[in-house]
Amino acid sequence: MLLLVLFGAAGAYLIFGQTKAPSEITYVSLIGHTANYTVVLNVVSPQNMYTPQQVKQENPTDGEVMYSGSMVMPPGMAMSMSNMSYPAGWRHVEVHIYDSATNTVIRSTSPTIVVTNDQSGQATNVPIVTMQSVVVGASDFHYGNNVDLPSGHSYTATVQVGSEVATFHFKL
């Protein structure tokens, strides 16, 4: 496992990944700061998402329980929340937002997440789902969705919380 910590004007940045070429990194985690928030951006493999009712009925051992919003599906895939096989390039983009003064999880905001391909300029608006891991629980509350972000590109993610913005740069 590769762990790289970079320090910049906006704070510390963490990048986690397999020990593979940079174009094959499968997990990115970055930390940014605004005046009032600490924002953690994670880009991981696509996650199965479940409604609370499905979690009670199916007892899944991985994935996310959704509280609001709708899961994004790849074109041509049927709407099924579990046991999905996503096409190459699909990722789960999530942001965890904390109050900088108290380090408490912020659950009552409506952030926007835009991920822009630095080479093509194509911007992807990440439709917001509020969710948490079915394993970790409430301490994992976050915002995000599954979206198409192909490997071999550099990206800029912009997360806006109210009037405050955190910007992240990463390569997949």
Protein backbone atom coordinates (compact mmCIF):
# COMPACT_ATOMS: atom_id res chain seq x y z
CA MET A 1 0.00 0.00 0.00
CA LEU A 2 1.38 3.41 -0.98
CA LEU A 3 0.84 6.36 1.35
CA LEU A 4 1.89 9.81 0.26
CA VAL A 5 1.35 12.92 2.36
CA LEU A 6 1.76 16.31 0.71
CA PHE A 7 1.50 19.61 2.53
CA GLY A 8 0.27 22.70 0.74
CA ALA A 9 -1.29 26.08 1.42
CA ALA A 10 -4.72 24.53 1.85
CA GLY A 11 -3.57 21.82 4.27
CA ALA A 12 -2.40 18.22 4.12
CA TYR A 13 -3.21 15.95 1.24
CA LEU A 14 -3.21 12.17 1.55
CA ILE A 15 -3.07 9.81 -1.38
CA PHE A 16 -3.56 6.11 -0.79
CA GLY A 17 -3.16 3.56 -3.53
CA GLN A 18 -1.90 0.19 -4.53
CA THR A 19 1.78 -0.03 -5.40
CA LYS A 20 0.98 0.34 -9.11
CA ALA A 21 1.76 2.89 -11.77
CA PRO A 22 0.07 6.29 -11.07
CA SER A 23 -2.42 5.69 -13.90
CA GLU A 24 -3.65 2.57 -12.09
CA ILE A 25 -4.25 4.03 -8.61
CA THR A 26 -7.49 2.57 -7.33
CA TYR A 27 -8.00 4.60 -4.16
CA VAL A 28 -7.54 8.32 -3.58
CA SER A 29 -8.13 10.13 -0.30
CA LEU A 30 -7.50 13.87 -0.02
CA ILE A 31 -8.04 16.28 2.86
CA GLY A 32 -8.88 19.94 2.31
CA HIS A 33 -9.78 22.83 4.57
CA THR A 34 -12.05 25.83 4.21
CA ALA A 35 -12.66 28.55 6.80
CA ASN A 36 -15.18 26.40 8.71
CA TYR A 37 -14.90 22.85 7.37
CA THR A 38 -12.53 19.96 6.95
CA VAL A 39 -13.46 18.13 3.76
CA VAL A 40 -12.24 14.61 2.99
CA LEU A 41 -12.58 13.48 -0.63
CA ASN A 42 -12.40 9.73 -1.35
CA VAL A 43 -12.41 8.19 -4.81
CA VAL A 44 -12.76 4.41 -4.60
CA SER A 45 -14.21 1.51 -6.58
CA PRO A 46 -17.98 1.72 -7.23
CA GLN A 47 -20.10 0.86 -4.22
CA ASN A 48 -23.31 -1.12 -4.02
CA MET A 49 -26.01 1.10 -2.53
CA TYR A 50 -29.05 0.04 -0.57
CA THR A 51 -32.15 1.61 0.87
CA PRO A 52 -32.58 1.24 4.66
CA GLN A 53 -35.31 -1.33 3.96
CA GLN A 54 -32.96 -3.38 1.77
CA VAL A 55 -30.29 -3.32 4.47
CA LYS A 56 -32.81 -4.75 6.97
CA GLN A 57 -33.97 -7.44 4.51
CA GLU A 58 -30.67 -8.41 2.86
CA ASN A 59 -28.10 -7.80 5.64
CA PRO A 60 -25.35 -6.83 3.18
CA THR A 61 -21.73 -7.07 4.32
CA ASP A 62 -20.46 -4.18 2.21
CA GLY A 63 -21.72 -1.10 0.39
CA GLU A 64 -23.64 1.98 1.44
CA VAL A 65 -27.05 2.65 2.95
CA MET A 66 -28.69 5.64 1.21
CA TYR A 67 -30.81 8.19 3.08
CA SER A 68 -31.57 10.69 0.31
CA GLY A 69 -30.87 11.04 -3.40
CA SER A 70 -30.66 8.46 -6.17
CA MET A 71 -27.86 6.13 -7.18
CA VAL A 72 -26.34 6.82 -10.62
CA MET A 73 -26.37 3.85 -12.98
CA PRO A 74 -24.06 3.28 -15.95
CA PRO A 75 -25.85 3.63 -19.31
CA GLY A 76 -27.68 0.44 -20.23
CA MET A 77 -27.55 -1.10 -16.75
CA ALA A 78 -30.76 -2.04 -15.02
CA MET A 79 -31.56 -0.33 -11.70
CA SER A 80 -30.36 -2.88 -9.17
CA MET A 81 -28.74 -1.83 -5.95
CA SER A 82 -26.68 -4.90 -5.13
CA ASN A 83 -24.34 -7.42 -6.72
CA MET A 84 -23.51 -5.12 -9.60
CA SER A 85 -20.53 -5.27 -11.91
CA TYR A 86 -19.65 -1.78 -13.08
CA PRO A 87 -17.89 -1.01 -16.37
CA ALA A 88 -14.21 0.01 -16.23
CA GLY A 89 -13.68 3.60 -15.13
CA TRP A 90 -16.62 3.83 -12.75
CA ARG A 91 -15.74 5.12 -9.27
CA HIS A 92 -17.44 6.01 -6.01
CA VAL A 93 -16.79 9.69 -5.25
CA GLU A 94 -17.61 10.69 -1.69
CA VAL A 95 -16.96 13.64 0.59
CA HIS A 96 -16.97 13.63 4.37
CA ILE A 97 -17.56 17.09 5.83
CA TYR A 98 -16.56 18.01 9.39
CA ASP A 99 -16.88 21.16 11.45
CA SER A 100 -13.27 22.37 11.76
CA ALA A 101 -13.73 23.67 15.30
CA THR A 102 -15.42 20.58 16.79
CA ASN A 103 -14.50 17.78 14.32
CA THR A 104 -18.15 16.72 14.27
CA VAL A 105 -19.68 15.26 11.12
CA ILE A 106 -21.86 17.74 9.23
CA ARG A 107 -25.11 15.99 8.25
CA SER A 108 -27.34 18.94 7.44
CA THR A 109 -25.73 20.55 4.41
CA SER A 110 -26.21 20.28 0.66
CA PRO A 111 -22.73 20.22 -0.86
CA THR A 112 -22.00 20.21 -4.57
CA ILE A 113 -19.26 18.05 -6.04
CA VAL A 114 -17.92 18.71 -9.54
CA VAL A 115 -15.08 16.59 -10.95
CA THR A 116 -13.37 18.00 -14.05
CA ASN A 117 -11.10 16.02 -16.37
CA ASP A 118 -8.03 18.26 -16.60
CA GLN A 119 -7.18 17.07 -20.14
CA SER A 120 -10.61 17.34 -21.81
CA GLY A 121 -12.24 19.95 -19.58
CA GLN A 122 -15.31 17.70 -19.24
CA ALA A 123 -17.05 18.43 -15.93
CA THR A 124 -19.04 15.76 -14.10
CA ASN A 125 -21.58 16.96 -11.55
CA VAL A 126 -21.79 14.25 -8.91
CA PRO A 127 -25.46 13.77 -7.98
CA ILE A 128 -25.61 13.89 -4.19
CA VAL A 129 -26.73 10.90 -2.17
CA THR A 130 -26.46 11.05 1.61
CA MET A 131 -25.19 7.72 2.87
CA GLN A 132 -23.00 5.76 5.23
CA SER A 133 -21.23 2.43 5.12
CA VAL A 134 -23.38 -0.55 6.08
CA VAL A 135 -20.39 -1.81 8.08
CA VAL A 136 -18.96 1.34 9.71
CA GLY A 137 -22.27 3.06 10.43
CA ALA A 138 -23.04 6.64 11.47
CA SER A 139 -19.43 7.78 11.83
CA ASP A 140 -19.06 7.20 8.06
CA PHE A 141 -21.86 9.62 7.05
CA HIS A 142 -20.96 11.23 3.71
CA TYR A 143 -22.19 12.68 0.41
CA GLY A 144 -21.49 11.39 -3.11
CA ASN A 145 -22.33 8.85 -5.79
CA ASN A 146 -20.90 6.44 -8.36
CA VAL A 147 -19.69 8.20 -11.54
CA ASP A 148 -17.59 7.47 -14.63
CA LEU A 149 -13.96 8.67 -14.15
CA PRO A 150 -11.66 6.70 -16.47
CA SER A 151 -8.08 5.86 -15.50
CA GLY A 152 -5.14 7.62 -17.11
CA HIS A 153 -6.42 11.14 -16.48
CA SER A 154 -5.80 13.98 -14.04
CA TYR A 155 -8.85 15.46 -12.35
CA THR A 156 -9.82 18.50 -10.31
CA ALA A 157 -12.65 18.04 -7.80
CA THR A 158 -14.41 21.11 -6.46
CA VAL A 159 -16.54 20.68 -3.35
CA GLN A 160 -18.76 23.59 -2.33
CA VAL A 161 -20.33 23.75 1.12
CA GLY A 162 -22.45 26.89 1.33
CA SER A 163 -20.16 29.68 0.12
CA GLU A 164 -16.96 27.80 1.00
CA VAL A 165 -14.99 25.81 -1.58
CA ALA A 166 -12.38 23.06 -1.24
CA THR A 167 -10.42 22.09 -4.37
CA PHE A 168 -8.59 18.80 -4.87
CA HIS A 169 -6.27 17.53 -7.62
CA PHE A 170 -5.66 13.84 -8.31
CA LYS A 171 -4.76 11.32 -11.02
CA LEU A 172 -6.35 7.94 -11.65
